[in-house]
Amino acid sequence: MFLEIEQLRRGHVNSRVAPVRIAAFHHLAGRDILVPLTQSLYVPGKIGSTSEVLVDVGTGFYVGKPLPAATEIMRKKADMVATEVSSLTRVLTMKQSNLEVITEHLQMRGAVAEQAAAAGAGAS
């Protein structure tokens, strides 16, 4: 659960940063870049047209979109991720609260058992 929340938070940050990067994108036409093929393999490339970008619309499908439409898609994704983070945070808080109640109950039962054992040992 903690890992899932952390992944969503990272996704949320990336989604919030994307519209800002898209807005600055038109200044990059003709610029040399490194294109990631894997996490550790990059190839040189050059930015061509900056009037349209590829947007991941889910499950690995990419669609060419004009910059304003791409910005709107990323804003919607960021809002969706923020909602998920909020929901998972509430669930996590509730589960932590339940864990605390159970821990306190087990500690009380342990203390009662120790007292009973001490009383039984003192009576013999």
PDB file of N, CA and C in Angstrom:
ATOM      1  N   MET A   1       0.823  -1.193   0.000  1.00  0.00           N
ATOM      2  CA  MET A   1       0.000   0.000   0.000  1.00  0.00           C
ATOM      3  C   MET A   1       0.868   1.258   0.000  1.00  0.00           C
ATOM      4  N   PHE A   2       1.947   1.247   0.835  1.00  0.00           N
ATOM      5  CA  PHE A   2       2.821   2.414   0.889  1.00  0.00           C
ATOM      6  C   PHE A   2       3.489   2.641  -0.464  1.00  0.00           C
ATOM      7  N   LEU A   3       3.905   1.559  -1.108  1.00  0.00           N
ATOM      8  CA  LEU A   3       4.562   1.657  -2.413  1.00  0.00           C
ATOM      9  C   LEU A   3       3.608   2.224  -3.451  1.00  0.00           C
ATOM     10  N   GLU A   4       2.364   1.780  -3.401  1.00  0.00           N
ATOM     11  CA  GLU A   4       1.356   2.266  -4.347  1.00  0.00           C
ATOM     12  C   GLU A   4       1.136   3.770  -4.178  1.00  0.00           C
ATOM     13  N   ILE A   5       1.070   4.216  -2.934  1.00  0.00           N
ATOM     14  CA  ILE A   5       0.879   5.647  -2.678  1.00  0.00           C
ATOM     15  C   ILE A   5       2.087   6.435  -3.164  1.00  0.00           C
ATOM     16  N   GLU A   6       3.287   5.918  -2.917  1.00  0.00           N
ATOM     17  CA  GLU A   6       4.489   6.616  -3.362  1.00  0.00           C
ATOM     18  C   GLU A   6       4.537   6.714  -4.881  1.00  0.00           C
ATOM     19  N   GLN A   7       4.160   5.653  -5.580  1.00  0.00           N
ATOM     20  CA  GLN A   7       4.127   5.685  -7.037  1.00  0.00           C
ATOM     21  C   GLN A   7       3.104   6.709  -7.529  1.00  0.00           C
ATOM     22  N   LEU A   8       1.951   6.758  -6.876  1.00  0.00           N
ATOM     23  CA  LEU A   8       0.938   7.737  -7.267  1.00  0.00           C
ATOM     24  C   LEU A   8       1.412   9.162  -7.015  1.00  0.00           C
ATOM     25  N   ARG A   9       2.109   9.365  -5.911  1.00  0.00           N
ATOM     26  CA  ARG A   9       2.615  10.715  -5.622  1.00  0.00           C
ATOM     27  C   ARG A   9       3.629  11.147  -6.674  1.00  0.00           C
ATOM     28  N   ARG A  10       4.523  10.214  -7.063  1.00  0.00           N
ATOM     29  CA  ARG A  10       5.487  10.538  -8.118  1.00  0.00           C
ATOM     30  C   ARG A  10       4.762  10.844  -9.429  1.00  0.00           C
ATOM     31  N   GLY A  11       3.754  10.039  -9.745  1.00  0.00           N
ATOM     32  CA  GLY A  11       2.962  10.285 -10.951  1.00  0.00           C
ATOM     33  C   GLY A  11       2.257  11.622 -10.888  1.00  0.00           C
ATOM     34  N   HIS A  12       1.784  11.972  -9.706  1.00  0.00           N
ATOM     35  CA  HIS A  12       1.104  13.251  -9.514  1.00  0.00           C
ATOM     36  C   HIS A  12       2.069  14.412  -9.768  1.00  0.00           C
ATOM     37  N   VAL A  13       3.271  14.312  -9.213  1.00  0.00           N
ATOM     38  CA  VAL A  13       4.266  15.368  -9.418  1.00  0.00           C
ATOM     39  C   VAL A  13       4.606  15.484 -10.902  1.00  0.00           C
ATOM     40  N   ASN A  14       4.840  14.353 -11.549  1.00  0.00           N
ATOM     41  CA  ASN A  14       5.156  14.377 -12.983  1.00  0.00           C
ATOM     42  C   ASN A  14       4.013  14.962 -13.798  1.00  0.00           C
ATOM     43  N   SER A  15       2.775  14.623 -13.442  1.00  0.00           N
ATOM     44  CA  SER A  15       1.621  15.143 -14.165  1.00  0.00           C
ATOM     45  C   SER A  15       1.470  16.646 -13.978  1.00  0.00           C
ATOM     46  N   ARG A  16       1.821  17.140 -12.807  1.00  0.00           N
ATOM     47  CA  ARG A  16       1.725  18.580 -12.548  1.00  0.00           C
ATOM     48  C   ARG A  16       2.817  19.350 -13.282  1.00  0.00           C
ATOM     49  N   VAL A  17       3.983  18.726 -13.451  1.00  0.00           N
ATOM     50  CA  VAL A  17       5.105  19.384 -14.113  1.00  0.00           C
ATOM     51  C   VAL A  17       4.926  19.383 -15.631  1.00  0.00           C
ATOM     52  N   ALA A  18       4.262  18.371 -16.170  1.00  0.00           N
ATOM     53  CA  ALA A  18       4.129  18.211 -17.621  1.00  0.00           C
ATOM     54  C   ALA A  18       3.539  19.438 -18.321  1.00  0.00           C
ATOM     55  N   PRO A  19       2.427  20.038 -17.840  1.00  0.00           N
ATOM     56  CA  PRO A  19       1.894  21.213 -18.550  1.00  0.00           C
ATOM     57  C   PRO A  19       2.889  22.371 -18.623  1.00  0.00           C
ATOM     58  N   VAL A  20       3.696  22.538 -17.585  1.00  0.00           N
ATOM     59  CA  VAL A  20       4.703  23.605 -17.583  1.00  0.00           C
ATOM     60  C   VAL A  20       5.756  23.312 -18.654  1.00  0.00           C
ATOM     61  N   ARG A  21       6.160  22.053 -18.723  1.00  0.00           N
ATOM     62  CA  ARG A  21       7.155  21.672 -19.731  1.00  0.00           C
ATOM     63  C   ARG A  21       6.584  21.804 -21.140  1.00  0.00           C
ATOM     64  N   ILE A  22       5.326  21.441 -21.301  1.00  0.00           N
ATOM     65  CA  ILE A  22       4.694  21.566 -22.617  1.00  0.00           C
ATOM     66  C   ILE A  22       4.639  23.030 -23.037  1.00  0.00           C
ATOM     67  N   ALA A  23       4.318  23.913 -22.094  1.00  0.00           N
ATOM     68  CA  ALA A  23       4.226  25.342 -22.405  1.00  0.00           C
ATOM     69  C   ALA A  23       5.571  25.898 -22.878  1.00  0.00           C
ATOM     70  N   ALA A  24       6.674  25.368 -22.347  1.00  0.00           N
ATOM     71  CA  ALA A  24       8.001  25.847 -22.732  1.00  0.00           C
ATOM     72  C   ALA A  24       8.549  25.105 -23.946  1.00  0.00           C
ATOM     73  N   PHE A  25       7.839  24.129 -24.427  1.00  0.00           N
ATOM     74  CA  PHE A  25       8.322  23.238 -25.480  1.00  0.00           C
ATOM     75  C   PHE A  25       8.595  23.941 -26.796  1.00  0.00           C
ATOM     76  N   HIS A  26       7.787  24.942 -27.148  1.00  0.00           N
ATOM     77  CA  HIS A  26       7.928  25.582 -28.463  1.00  0.00           C
ATOM     78  C   HIS A  26       9.283  26.280 -28.638  1.00  0.00           C
ATOM     79  N   HIS A  27      10.006  26.539 -27.573  1.00  0.00           N
ATOM     80  CA  HIS A  27      11.324  27.169 -27.642  1.00  0.00           C
ATOM     81  C   HIS A  27      12.420  26.169 -28.009  1.00  0.00           C
ATOM     82  N   LEU A  28      12.078  24.893 -28.049  1.00  0.00           N
ATOM     83  CA  LEU A  28      13.091  23.860 -28.227  1.00  0.00           C
ATOM     84  C   LEU A  28      13.254  23.374 -29.667  1.00  0.00           C
ATOM     85  N   ALA A  29      12.545  23.937 -30.616  1.00  0.00           N
ATOM     86  CA  ALA A  29      12.610  23.477 -32.015  1.00  0.00           C
ATOM     87  C   ALA A  29      14.045  23.482 -32.515  1.00  0.00           C
ATOM     88  N   GLY A  30      14.451  22.367 -33.130  1.00  0.00           N
ATOM     89  CA  GLY A  30      15.784  22.243 -33.701  1.00  0.00           C
ATOM     90  C   GLY A  30      16.868  21.887 -32.708  1.00  0.00           C
ATOM     91  N   ARG A  31      16.541  21.761 -31.472  1.00  0.00           N
ATOM     92  CA  ARG A  31      17.527  21.489 -30.430  1.00  0.00           C
ATOM     93  C   ARG A  31      17.910  20.009 -30.413  1.00  0.00           C
ATOM     94  N   ASP A  32      19.192  19.726 -30.155  1.00  0.00           N
ATOM     95  CA  ASP A  32      19.664  18.347 -30.007  1.00  0.00           C
ATOM     96  C   ASP A  32      19.263  17.833 -28.633  1.00  0.00           C
ATOM     97  N   ILE A  33      18.815  16.571 -28.604  1.00  0.00           N
ATOM     98  CA  ILE A  33      18.392  15.955 -27.346  1.00  0.00           C
ATOM     99  C   ILE A  33      18.861  14.503 -27.298  1.00  0.00           C
ATOM    100  N   LEU A  34      18.725  13.871 -26.137  1.00  0.00           N
ATOM    101  CA  LEU A  34      18.938  12.443 -25.996  1.00  0.00           C
ATOM    102  C   LEU A  34      17.571  11.809 -25.782  1.00  0.00           C
ATOM    103  N   VAL A  35      17.265  10.794 -26.570  1.00  0.00           N
ATOM    104  CA  VAL A  35      15.971  10.128 -26.509  1.00  0.00           C
ATOM    105  C   VAL A  35      16.143   8.813 -25.756  1.00  0.00           C
ATOM    106  N   PRO A  36      15.411   8.608 -24.657  1.00  0.00           N
ATOM    107  CA  PRO A  36      15.568   7.359 -23.901  1.00  0.00           C
ATOM    108  C   PRO A  36      14.913   6.182 -24.628  1.00  0.00           C
ATOM    109  N   LEU A  37      15.680   5.125 -24.813  1.00  0.00           N
ATOM    110  CA  LEU A  37      15.126   3.875 -25.348  1.00  0.00           C
ATOM    111  C   LEU A  37      14.797   2.925 -24.207  1.00  0.00           C
ATOM    112  N   THR A  38      15.637   2.932 -23.170  1.00  0.00           N
ATOM    113  CA  THR A  38      15.407   2.196 -21.927  1.00  0.00           C
ATOM    114  C   THR A  38      15.848   3.124 -20.806  1.00  0.00           C
ATOM    115  N   GLN A  39      15.837   2.619 -19.568  1.00  0.00           N
ATOM    116  CA  GLN A  39      16.274   3.456 -18.451  1.00  0.00           C
ATOM    117  C   GLN A  39      17.762   3.782 -18.528  1.00  0.00           C
ATOM    118  N   SER A  40      18.528   2.966 -19.237  1.00  0.00           N
ATOM    119  CA  SER A  40      19.966   3.199 -19.282  1.00  0.00           C
ATOM    120  C   SER A  40      20.520   3.362 -20.703  1.00  0.00           C
ATOM    121  N   LEU A  41      19.658   3.440 -21.717  1.00  0.00           N
ATOM    122  CA  LEU A  41      20.110   3.568 -23.088  1.00  0.00           C
ATOM    123  C   LEU A  41      19.435   4.760 -23.753  1.00  0.00           C
ATOM    124  N   TYR A  42      20.253   5.695 -24.238  1.00  0.00           N
ATOM    125  CA  TYR A  42      19.763   6.898 -24.891  1.00  0.00           C
ATOM    126  C   TYR A  42      20.395   7.012 -26.273  1.00  0.00           C
ATOM    127  N   VAL A  43      19.654   7.578 -27.208  1.00  0.00           N
ATOM    128  CA  VAL A  43      20.188   7.833 -28.547  1.00  0.00           C
ATOM    129  C   VAL A  43      20.027   9.319 -28.842  1.00  0.00           C
ATOM    130  N   PRO A  44      20.945   9.864 -29.646  1.00  0.00           N
ATOM    131  CA  PRO A  44      20.817  11.287 -29.985  1.00  0.00           C
ATOM    132  C   PRO A  44      19.627  11.529 -30.910  1.00  0.00           C
ATOM    133  N   GLY A  45      19.028  12.688 -30.763  1.00  0.00           N
ATOM    134  CA  GLY A  45      17.905  13.063 -31.602  1.00  0.00           C
ATOM    135  C   GLY A  45      17.839  14.565 -31.740  1.00  0.00           C
ATOM    136  N   LYS A  46      16.910  15.021 -32.542  1.00  0.00           N
ATOM    137  CA  LYS A  46      16.729  16.460 -32.742  1.00  0.00           C
ATOM    138  C   LYS A  46      15.229  16.734 -32.717  1.00  0.00           C
ATOM    139  N   ILE A  47      14.838  17.777 -32.005  1.00  0.00           N
ATOM    140  CA  ILE A  47      13.424  18.132 -31.922  1.00  0.00           C
ATOM    141  C   ILE A  47      13.017  18.790 -33.232  1.00  0.00           C
ATOM    142  N   GLY A  48      12.013  18.218 -33.874  1.00  0.00           N
ATOM    143  CA  GLY A  48      11.511  18.766 -35.140  1.00  0.00           C
ATOM    144  C   GLY A  48      10.413  19.769 -34.871  1.00  0.00           C
ATOM    145  N   SER A  49       9.215  19.450 -35.276  1.00  0.00           N
ATOM    146  CA  SER A  49       8.066  20.327 -35.093  1.00  0.00           C
ATOM    147  C   SER A  49       7.683  20.400 -33.626  1.00  0.00           C
ATOM    148  N   THR A  50       7.374  21.587 -33.174  1.00  0.00           N
ATOM    149  CA  THR A  50       6.929  21.753 -31.789  1.00  0.00           C
ATOM    150  C   THR A  50       5.455  22.138 -31.721  1.00  0.00           C
ATOM    151  N   SER A  51       4.753  21.996 -32.828  1.00  0.00           N
ATOM    152  CA  SER A  51       3.331  22.348 -32.815  1.00  0.00           C
ATOM    153  C   SER A  51       2.477  21.186 -32.331  1.00  0.00           C
ATOM    154  N   GLU A  52       3.054  19.981 -32.316  1.00  0.00           N
ATOM    155  CA  GLU A  52       2.309  18.792 -31.890  1.00  0.00           C
ATOM    156  C   GLU A  52       3.236  17.887 -31.095  1.00  0.00           C
ATOM    157  N   VAL A  53       2.683  17.233 -30.068  1.00  0.00           N
ATOM    158  CA  VAL A  53       3.452  16.300 -29.245  1.00  0.00           C
ATOM    159  C   VAL A  53       2.702  14.976 -29.152  1.00  0.00           C
ATOM    160  N   LEU A  54       3.422  13.916 -28.784  1.00  0.00           N
ATOM    161  CA  LEU A  54       2.787  12.623 -28.545  1.00  0.00           C
ATOM    162  C   LEU A  54       2.399  12.543 -27.085  1.00  0.00           C
ATOM    163  N   VAL A  55       1.173  12.128 -26.832  1.00  0.00           N
ATOM    164  CA  VAL A  55       0.651  12.050 -25.468  1.00  0.00           C
ATOM    165  C   VAL A  55       0.249  10.608 -25.185  1.00  0.00           C
ATOM    166  N   ASP A  56       0.692  10.086 -24.040  1.00  0.00           N
ATOM    167  CA  ASP A  56       0.303   8.747 -23.611  1.00  0.00           C
ATOM    168  C   ASP A  56      -1.140   8.834 -23.109  1.00  0.00           C
ATOM    169  N   VAL A  57      -2.051   8.214 -23.839  1.00  0.00           N
ATOM    170  CA  VAL A  57      -3.463   8.263 -23.466  1.00  0.00           C
ATOM    171  C   VAL A  57      -3.889   7.007 -22.707  1.00  0.00           C
ATOM    172  N   GLY A  58      -2.942   6.185 -22.336  1.00  0.00           N
ATOM    173  CA  GLY A  58      -3.230   5.008 -21.526  1.00  0.00           C
ATOM    174  C   GLY A  58      -2.845   3.721 -22.215  1.00  0.00           C
ATOM    175  N   THR A  59      -2.463   2.757 -21.403  1.00  0.00           N
ATOM    176  CA  THR A  59      -2.065   1.408 -21.833  1.00  0.00           C
ATOM    177  C   THR A  59      -1.081   1.424 -22.996  1.00  0.00           C
ATOM    178  N   GLY A  60      -0.171   2.383 -23.004  1.00  0.00           N
ATOM    179  CA  GLY A  60       0.883   2.418 -24.002  1.00  0.00           C
ATOM    180  C   GLY A  60       0.491   2.978 -25.350  1.00  0.00           C
ATOM    181  N   PHE A  61      -0.687   3.573 -25.454  1.00  0.00           N
ATOM    182  CA  PHE A  61      -1.097   4.189 -26.716  1.00  0.00           C
ATOM    183  C   PHE A  61      -0.739   5.670 -26.697  1.00  0.00           C
ATOM    184  N   TYR A  62      -0.112   6.114 -27.767  1.00  0.00           N
ATOM    185  CA  TYR A  62       0.296   7.504 -27.890  1.00  0.00           C
ATOM    186  C   TYR A  62      -0.457   8.139 -29.052  1.00  0.00           C
ATOM    187  N   VAL A  63      -0.888   9.377 -28.835  1.00  0.00           N
ATOM    188  CA  VAL A  63      -1.656  10.096 -29.850  1.00  0.00           C
ATOM    189  C   VAL A  63      -1.015  11.465 -30.040  1.00  0.00           C
ATOM    190  N   GLY A  64      -0.865  11.889 -31.291  1.00  0.00           N
ATOM    191  CA  GLY A  64      -0.366  13.228 -31.575  1.00  0.00           C
ATOM    192  C   GLY A  64      -1.429  14.252 -31.246  1.00  0.00           C
ATOM    193  N   LYS A  65      -1.049  15.254 -30.451  1.00  0.00           N
ATOM    194  CA  LYS A  65      -1.986  16.307 -30.039  1.00  0.00           C
ATOM    195  C   LYS A  65      -1.310  17.673 -30.151  1.00  0.00           C
ATOM    196  N   PRO A  66      -2.075  18.704 -30.495  1.00  0.00           N
ATOM    197  CA  PRO A  66      -1.515  20.057 -30.435  1.00  0.00           C
ATOM    198  C   PRO A  66      -1.204  20.409 -28.977  1.00  0.00           C
ATOM    199  N   LEU A  67      -0.305  21.352 -28.772  1.00  0.00           N
ATOM    200  CA  LEU A  67       0.143  21.689 -27.417  1.00  0.00           C
ATOM    201  C   LEU A  67      -0.990  22.015 -26.449  1.00  0.00           C
ATOM    202  N   PRO A  68      -1.995  22.833 -26.823  1.00  0.00           N
ATOM    203  CA  PRO A  68      -3.071  23.132 -25.860  1.00  0.00           C
ATOM    204  C   PRO A  68      -3.851  21.876 -25.446  1.00  0.00           C
ATOM    205  N   ALA A  69      -4.118  20.990 -26.399  1.00  0.00           N
ATOM    206  CA  ALA A  69      -4.850  19.759 -26.079  1.00  0.00           C
ATOM    207  C   ALA A  69      -4.003  18.847 -25.198  1.00  0.00           C
ATOM    208  N   ALA A  70      -2.707  18.787 -25.460  1.00  0.00           N
ATOM    209  CA  ALA A  70      -1.809  17.965 -24.640  1.00  0.00           C
ATOM    210  C   ALA A  70      -1.758  18.499 -23.208  1.00  0.00           C
ATOM    211  N   THR A  71      -1.719  19.815 -23.079  1.00  0.00           N
ATOM    212  CA  THR A  71      -1.710  20.431 -21.745  1.00  0.00           C
ATOM    213  C   THR A  71      -2.984  20.073 -20.987  1.00  0.00           C
ATOM    214  N   GLU A  72      -4.112  20.118 -21.660  1.00  0.00           N
ATOM    215  CA  GLU A  72      -5.392  19.790 -21.023  1.00  0.00           C
ATOM    216  C   GLU A  72      -5.435  18.324 -20.604  1.00  0.00           C
ATOM    217  N   ILE A  73      -4.945  17.421 -21.440  1.00  0.00           N
ATOM    218  CA  ILE A  73      -4.914  15.996 -21.094  1.00  0.00           C
ATOM    219  C   ILE A  73      -4.058  15.779 -19.852  1.00  0.00           C
ATOM    220  N   MET A  74      -2.896  16.420 -19.814  1.00  0.00           N
ATOM    221  CA  MET A  74      -2.011  16.250 -18.655  1.00  0.00           C
ATOM    222  C   MET A  74      -2.634  16.859 -17.394  1.00  0.00           C
ATOM    223  N   ARG A  75      -3.362  17.953 -17.539  1.00  0.00           N
ATOM    224  CA  ARG A  75      -4.033  18.549 -16.372  1.00  0.00           C
ATOM    225  C   ARG A  75      -5.078  17.579 -15.818  1.00  0.00           C
ATOM    226  N   LYS A  76      -5.841  16.960 -16.730  1.00  0.00           N
ATOM    227  CA  LYS A  76      -6.862  15.994 -16.304  1.00  0.00           C
ATOM    228  C   LYS A  76      -6.228  14.787 -15.632  1.00  0.00           C
ATOM    229  N   LYS A  77      -5.102  14.319 -16.172  1.00  0.00           N
ATOM    230  CA  LYS A  77      -4.400  13.193 -15.551  1.00  0.00           C
ATOM    231  C   LYS A  77      -3.926  13.571 -14.153  1.00  0.00           C
ATOM    232  N   ALA A  78      -3.379  14.779 -14.016  1.00  0.00           N
ATOM    233  CA  ALA A  78      -2.897  15.239 -12.715  1.00  0.00           C
ATOM    234  C   ALA A  78      -4.038  15.306 -11.704  1.00  0.00           C
ATOM    235  N   ASP A  79      -5.201  15.780 -12.138  1.00  0.00           N
ATOM    236  CA  ASP A  79      -6.362  15.841 -11.246  1.00  0.00           C
ATOM    237  C   ASP A  79      -6.807  14.442 -10.833  1.00  0.00           C
ATOM    238  N   MET A  80      -6.792  13.502 -11.777  1.00  0.00           N
ATOM    239  CA  MET A  80      -7.189  12.129 -11.478  1.00  0.00           C
ATOM    240  C   MET A  80      -6.224  11.493 -10.473  1.00  0.00           C
ATOM    241  N   VAL A  81      -4.927  11.703 -10.683  1.00  0.00           N
ATOM    242  CA  VAL A  81      -3.928  11.136  -9.769  1.00  0.00           C
ATOM    243  C   VAL A  81      -4.066  11.767  -8.386  1.00  0.00           C
ATOM    244  N   ALA A  82      -4.324  13.065  -8.331  1.00  0.00           N
ATOM    245  CA  ALA A  82      -4.499  13.741  -7.040  1.00  0.00           C
ATOM    246  C   ALA A  82      -5.690  13.153  -6.286  1.00  0.00           C
ATOM    247  N   THR A  83      -6.763  12.853  -6.994  1.00  0.00           N
ATOM    248  CA  THR A  83      -7.938  12.243  -6.375  1.00  0.00           C
ATOM    249  C   THR A  83      -7.599  10.858  -5.824  1.00  0.00           C
ATOM    250  N   GLU A  84      -6.841  10.079  -6.603  1.00  0.00           N
ATOM    251  CA  GLU A  84      -6.440   8.739  -6.164  1.00  0.00           C
ATOM    252  C   GLU A  84      -5.536   8.809  -4.934  1.00  0.00           C
ATOM    253  N   VAL A  85      -4.583   9.742  -4.940  1.00  0.00           N
ATOM    254  CA  VAL A  85      -3.684   9.901  -3.793  1.00  0.00           C
ATOM    255  C   VAL A  85      -4.485  10.256  -2.554  1.00  0.00           C
ATOM    256  N   SER A  86      -5.425  11.156  -2.707  1.00  0.00           N
ATOM    257  CA  SER A  86      -6.265  11.560  -1.581  1.00  0.00           C
ATOM    258  C   SER A  86      -7.071  10.377  -1.044  1.00  0.00           C
ATOM    259  N   SER A  87      -7.656   9.611  -1.943  1.00  0.00           N
ATOM    260  CA  SER A  87      -8.448   8.452  -1.551  1.00  0.00           C
ATOM    261  C   SER A  87      -7.592   7.413  -0.837  1.00  0.00           C
ATOM    262  N   LEU A  88      -6.430   7.109  -1.395  1.00  0.00           N
ATOM    263  CA  LEU A  88      -5.551   6.121  -0.779  1.00  0.00           C
ATOM    264  C   LEU A  88      -5.000   6.613   0.560  1.00  0.00           C
ATOM    265  N   THR A  89      -4.770   7.900   0.667  1.00  0.00           N
ATOM    266  CA  THR A  89      -4.296   8.455   1.934  1.00  0.00           C
ATOM    267  C   THR A  89      -5.349   8.276   3.025  1.00  0.00           C
ATOM    268  N   ARG A  90      -6.623   8.481   2.676  1.00  0.00           N
ATOM    269  CA  ARG A  90      -7.704   8.263   3.654  1.00  0.00           C
ATOM    270  C   ARG A  90      -7.758   6.799   4.078  1.00  0.00           C
ATOM    271  N   VAL A  91      -7.642   5.890   3.119  1.00  0.00           N
ATOM    272  CA  VAL A  91      -7.670   4.458   3.430  1.00  0.00           C
ATOM    273  C   VAL A  91      -6.482   4.095   4.309  1.00  0.00           C
ATOM    274  N   LEU A  92      -5.306   4.607   3.976  1.00  0.00           N
ATOM    275  CA  LEU A  92      -4.110   4.317   4.763  1.00  0.00           C
ATOM    276  C   LEU A  92      -4.255   4.838   6.185  1.00  0.00           C
ATOM    277  N   THR A  93      -4.790   6.039   6.340  1.00  0.00           N
ATOM    278  CA  THR A  93      -4.991   6.610   7.675  1.00  0.00           C
ATOM    279  C   THR A  93      -5.948   5.745   8.485  1.00  0.00           C
ATOM    280  N   MET A  94      -7.017   5.278   7.851  1.00  0.00           N
ATOM    281  CA  MET A  94      -7.978   4.419   8.535  1.00  0.00           C
ATOM    282  C   MET A  94      -7.319   3.096   8.955  1.00  0.00           C
ATOM    283  N   LYS A  95      -6.519   2.513   8.077  1.00  0.00           N
ATOM    284  CA  LYS A  95      -5.851   1.251   8.406  1.00  0.00           C
ATOM    285  C   LYS A  95      -4.829   1.439   9.526  1.00  0.00           C
ATOM    286  N   GLN A  96      -4.128   2.559   9.520  1.00  0.00           N
ATOM    287  CA  GLN A  96      -3.180   2.840  10.594  1.00  0.00           C
ATOM    288  C   GLN A  96      -3.910   2.984  11.925  1.00  0.00           C
ATOM    289  N   SER A  97      -5.059   3.631  11.906  1.00  0.00           N
ATOM    290  CA  SER A  97      -5.859   3.784  13.110  1.00  0.00           C
ATOM    291  C   SER A  97      -6.316   2.419  13.625  1.00  0.00           C
ATOM    292  N   ASN A  98      -6.774   1.565  12.713  1.00  0.00           N
ATOM    293  CA  ASN A  98      -7.190   0.215  13.102  1.00  0.00           C
ATOM    294  C   ASN A  98      -6.024  -0.568  13.696  1.00  0.00           C
ATOM    295  N   LEU A  99      -4.851  -0.426  13.108  1.00  0.00           N
ATOM    296  CA  LEU A  99      -3.669  -1.116  13.621  1.00  0.00           C
ATOM    297  C   LEU A  99      -3.339  -0.654  15.033  1.00  0.00           C
ATOM    298  N   GLU A 100      -3.451   0.627  15.285  1.00  0.00           N
ATOM    299  CA  GLU A 100      -3.184   1.153  16.630  1.00  0.00           C
ATOM    300  C   GLU A 100      -4.165   0.589  17.648  1.00  0.00           C
ATOM    301  N   VAL A 101      -5.445   0.503  17.290  1.00  0.00           N
ATOM    302  CA  VAL A 101      -6.457  -0.046  18.194  1.00  0.00           C
ATOM    303  C   VAL A 101      -6.151  -1.511  18.490  1.00  0.00           C
ATOM    304  N   ILE A 102      -5.816  -2.271  17.469  1.00  0.00           N
ATOM    305  CA  ILE A 102      -5.507  -3.694  17.657  1.00  0.00           C
ATOM    306  C   ILE A 102      -4.254  -3.859  18.509  1.00  0.00           C
ATOM    307  N   THR A 103      -3.244  -3.043  18.260  1.00  0.00           N
ATOM    308  CA  THR A 103      -2.006  -3.111  19.040  1.00  0.00           C
ATOM    309  C   THR A 103      -2.277  -2.814  20.511  1.00  0.00           C
ATOM    310  N   GLU A 104      -3.066  -1.784  20.779  1.00  0.00           N
ATOM    311  CA  GLU A 104      -3.412  -1.447  22.168  1.00  0.00           C
ATOM    312  C   GLU A 104      -4.162  -2.601  22.830  1.00  0.00           C
ATOM    313  N   HIS A 105      -5.102  -3.204  22.098  1.00  0.00           N
ATOM    314  CA  HIS A 105      -5.877  -4.318  22.634  1.00  0.00           C
ATOM    315  C   HIS A 105      -4.958  -5.504  22.962  1.00  0.00           C
ATOM    316  N   LEU A 106      -4.049  -5.807  22.070  1.00  0.00           N
ATOM    317  CA  LEU A 106      -3.123  -6.922  22.315  1.00  0.00           C
ATOM    318  C   LEU A 106      -2.199  -6.626  23.492  1.00  0.00           C
ATOM    319  N   GLN A 107      -1.769  -5.391  23.638  1.00  0.00           N
ATOM    320  CA  GLN A 107      -0.922  -5.015  24.761  1.00  0.00           C
ATOM    321  C   GLN A 107      -1.682  -5.162  26.077  1.00  0.00           C
ATOM    322  N   MET A 108      -2.973  -4.771  26.076  1.00  0.00           N
ATOM    323  CA  MET A 108      -3.788  -4.921  27.288  1.00  0.00           C
ATOM    324  C   MET A 108      -3.953  -6.395  27.636  1.00  0.00           C
ATOM    325  N   ARG A 109      -4.232  -7.230  26.633  1.00  0.00           N
ATOM    326  CA  ARG A 109      -4.396  -8.667  26.873  1.00  0.00           C
ATOM    327  C   ARG A 109      -3.096  -9.270  27.398  1.00  0.00           C
ATOM    328  N   GLY A 110      -1.966  -8.807  26.872  1.00  0.00           N
ATOM    329  CA  GLY A 110      -0.666  -9.294  27.344  1.00  0.00           C
ATOM    330  C   GLY A 110      -0.426  -8.897  28.790  1.00  0.00           C
ATOM    331  N   ALA A 111      -0.806  -7.662  29.136  1.00  0.00           N
ATOM    332  CA  ALA A 111      -0.621  -7.194  30.519  1.00  0.00           C
ATOM    333  C   ALA A 111      -1.510  -7.981  31.470  1.00  0.00           C
ATOM    334  N   VAL A 112      -2.745  -8.262  31.061  1.00  0.00           N
ATOM    335  CA  VAL A 112      -3.662  -9.047  31.900  1.00  0.00           C
ATOM    336  C   VAL A 112      -3.115 -10.456  32.079  1.00  0.00           C
ATOM    337  N   ALA A 113      -2.589 -11.036  31.011  1.00  0.00           N
ATOM    338  CA  ALA A 113      -2.022 -12.390  31.104  1.00  0.00           C
ATOM    339  C   ALA A 113      -0.814 -12.409  32.027  1.00  0.00           C
ATOM    340  N   GLU A 114       0.008 -11.390  31.977  1.00  0.00           N
ATOM    341  CA  GLU A 114       1.177 -11.310  32.866  1.00  0.00           C
ATOM    342  C   GLU A 114       0.753 -11.173  34.316  1.00  0.00           C
ATOM    343  N   GLN A 115      -0.285 -10.361  34.557  1.00  0.00           N
ATOM    344  CA  GLN A 115      -0.779 -10.198  35.918  1.00  0.00           C
ATOM    345  C   GLN A 115      -1.362 -11.509  36.439  1.00  0.00           C
ATOM    346  N   ALA A 116      -2.085 -12.202  35.557  1.00  0.00           N
ATOM    347  CA  ALA A 116      -2.662 -13.484  35.985  1.00  0.00           C
ATOM    348  C   ALA A 116      -1.564 -14.496  36.278  1.00  0.00           C
ATOM    349  N   ALA A 117      -0.527 -14.510  35.473  1.00  0.00           N
ATOM    350  CA  ALA A 117       0.597 -15.432  35.680  1.00  0.00           C
ATOM    351  C   ALA A 117       1.323 -15.084  36.985  1.00  0.00           C
ATOM    352  N   ALA A 118       1.491 -13.798  37.248  1.00  0.00           N
ATOM    353  CA  ALA A 118       2.161 -13.366  38.470  1.00  0.00           C
ATOM    354  C   ALA A 118       1.321 -13.700  39.685  1.00  0.00           C
ATOM    355  N   ALA A 119      -0.001 -13.526  39.568  1.00  0.00           N
ATOM    356  CA  ALA A 119      -0.905 -13.844  40.684  1.00  0.00           C
ATOM    357  C   ALA A 119      -0.906 -15.348  40.937  1.00  0.00           C
ATOM    358  N   GLY A 120      -0.874 -16.140  39.863  1.00  0.00           N
ATOM    359  CA  GLY A 120      -0.844 -17.607  40.001  1.00  0.00           C
ATOM    360  C   GLY A 120       0.469 -18.068  40.598  1.00  0.00           C
ATOM    361  N   ALA A 121       1.563 -17.437  40.263  1.00  0.00           N
ATOM    362  CA  ALA A 121       2.868 -17.824  40.787  1.00  0.00           C
ATOM    363  C   ALA A 121       2.981 -17.401  42.238  1.00  0.00           C
ATOM    364  N   GLY A 122       2.367 -16.297  42.606  1.00  0.00           N
ATOM    365  CA  GLY A 122       2.425 -15.813  43.990  1.00  0.00           C
ATOM    366  C   GLY A 122       1.553 -16.648  44.910  1.00  0.00           C
ATOM    367  N   ALA A 123       0.494 -17.269  44.382  1.00  0.00           N
ATOM    368  CA  ALA A 123      -0.425 -18.060  45.203  1.00  0.00           C
ATOM    369  C   ALA A 123       0.165 -19.442  45.514  1.00  0.00           C
ATOM    370  N   SER A 124       1.139 -19.915  44.723  1.00  0.00           N
ATOM    371  CA  SER A 124       1.653 -21.261  44.956  1.00  0.00           C
ATOM    372  C   SER A 124       2.697 -21.298  45.995  1.00  0.00           C
TER     373      SER A 124
END
